[in-house]
Amino acid sequence: MSRTLAPEPRRLRASRSAIQAALAAMKASGVPVDKVCVIGGHVEIHCGRVDGGTAPEKDEGLEKW
């Protein structure tokens, strides 16, 4: 009977060139980047609103005066 072992977890880190390529692609497509967070090997890219979209109203259903 053959047992297959689960693969060992590997530590992955985003390379500088991979992050720069992602940011360049976002810039080329017109997606605004608000901030980039790098914590250890984890990278988060926070995007803003794309032009042409409507801003959500934050009035929680209140009537306009």
Protein backbone atom coordinates (compact mmCIF):
# COMPACT_ATOMS: atom_id res chain seq x y z
CA MET A 1 0.00 0.00 0.00
CA SER A 2 1.42 3.35 -1.05
CA ARG A 3 1.03 6.30 1.30
CA THR A 4 1.23 9.79 -0.08
CA LEU A 5 2.54 12.34 2.31
CA ALA A 6 1.12 15.81 2.51
CA PRO A 7 3.45 18.39 1.02
CA GLU A 8 5.50 20.29 3.54
CA PRO A 9 4.44 23.92 3.91
CA ARG A 10 6.78 26.29 2.15
CA ARG A 11 7.43 29.87 3.06
CA LEU A 12 6.70 32.13 0.14
CA ARG A 13 7.73 35.74 -0.13
CA ALA A 14 6.66 38.17 -2.78
CA SER A 15 9.69 39.46 -4.63
CA ARG A 16 10.27 43.14 -5.20
CA SER A 17 9.93 42.68 -8.95
CA ALA A 18 6.60 40.85 -8.55
CA ILE A 19 5.19 43.69 -6.43
CA GLN A 20 6.45 46.29 -8.89
CA ALA A 21 4.91 44.36 -11.81
CA ALA A 22 1.55 44.18 -10.03
CA LEU A 23 1.61 47.90 -9.24
CA ALA A 24 2.63 48.77 -12.82
CA ALA A 25 -0.22 46.65 -14.21
CA MET A 26 -2.70 48.33 -11.89
CA LYS A 27 -1.43 51.76 -12.89
CA ALA A 28 -1.64 50.89 -16.60
CA SER A 29 -5.25 49.76 -16.21
CA GLY A 30 -6.22 52.90 -14.28
CA VAL A 31 -6.81 51.32 -10.88
CA PRO A 32 -5.76 53.76 -8.14
CA VAL A 33 -3.67 52.36 -5.30
CA ASP A 34 -4.34 53.87 -1.88
CA LYS A 35 -1.65 52.04 0.07
CA VAL A 36 0.62 49.01 0.08
CA CYS A 37 1.10 47.09 3.34
CA VAL A 38 4.02 44.68 3.72
CA ILE A 39 4.06 42.60 6.89
CA GLY A 40 6.71 39.92 6.81
CA GLY A 41 6.15 37.98 3.61
CA HIS A 42 2.51 39.07 3.29
CA VAL A 43 1.69 41.93 0.89
CA GLU A 44 -1.63 43.75 0.75
CA ILE A 45 -2.46 46.25 -2.00
CA HIS A 46 -5.40 48.49 -1.12
CA CYS A 47 -7.10 50.04 -4.13
CA GLY A 48 -9.24 53.13 -4.36
CA ARG A 49 -12.43 53.71 -6.27
CA VAL A 50 -12.24 53.48 -10.05
CA ASP A 51 -13.32 56.67 -11.86
CA GLY A 52 -16.88 56.59 -13.08
CA GLY A 53 -18.18 54.73 -10.07
CA THR A 54 -20.64 56.36 -7.74
CA ALA A 55 -19.64 56.99 -4.19
CA PRO A 56 -21.70 55.02 -1.70
CA GLU A 57 -23.89 57.16 0.50
CA LYS A 58 -23.08 56.78 4.18
CA ASP A 59 -26.32 58.21 5.49
CA GLU A 60 -27.64 54.88 6.81
CA GLY A 61 -31.05 55.50 5.25
CA LEU A 62 -31.66 58.93 6.80
CA GLU A 63 -33.97 61.29 4.93
CA LYS A 64 -32.44 64.34 3.28
CA TRP A 65 -33.44 67.65 4.85
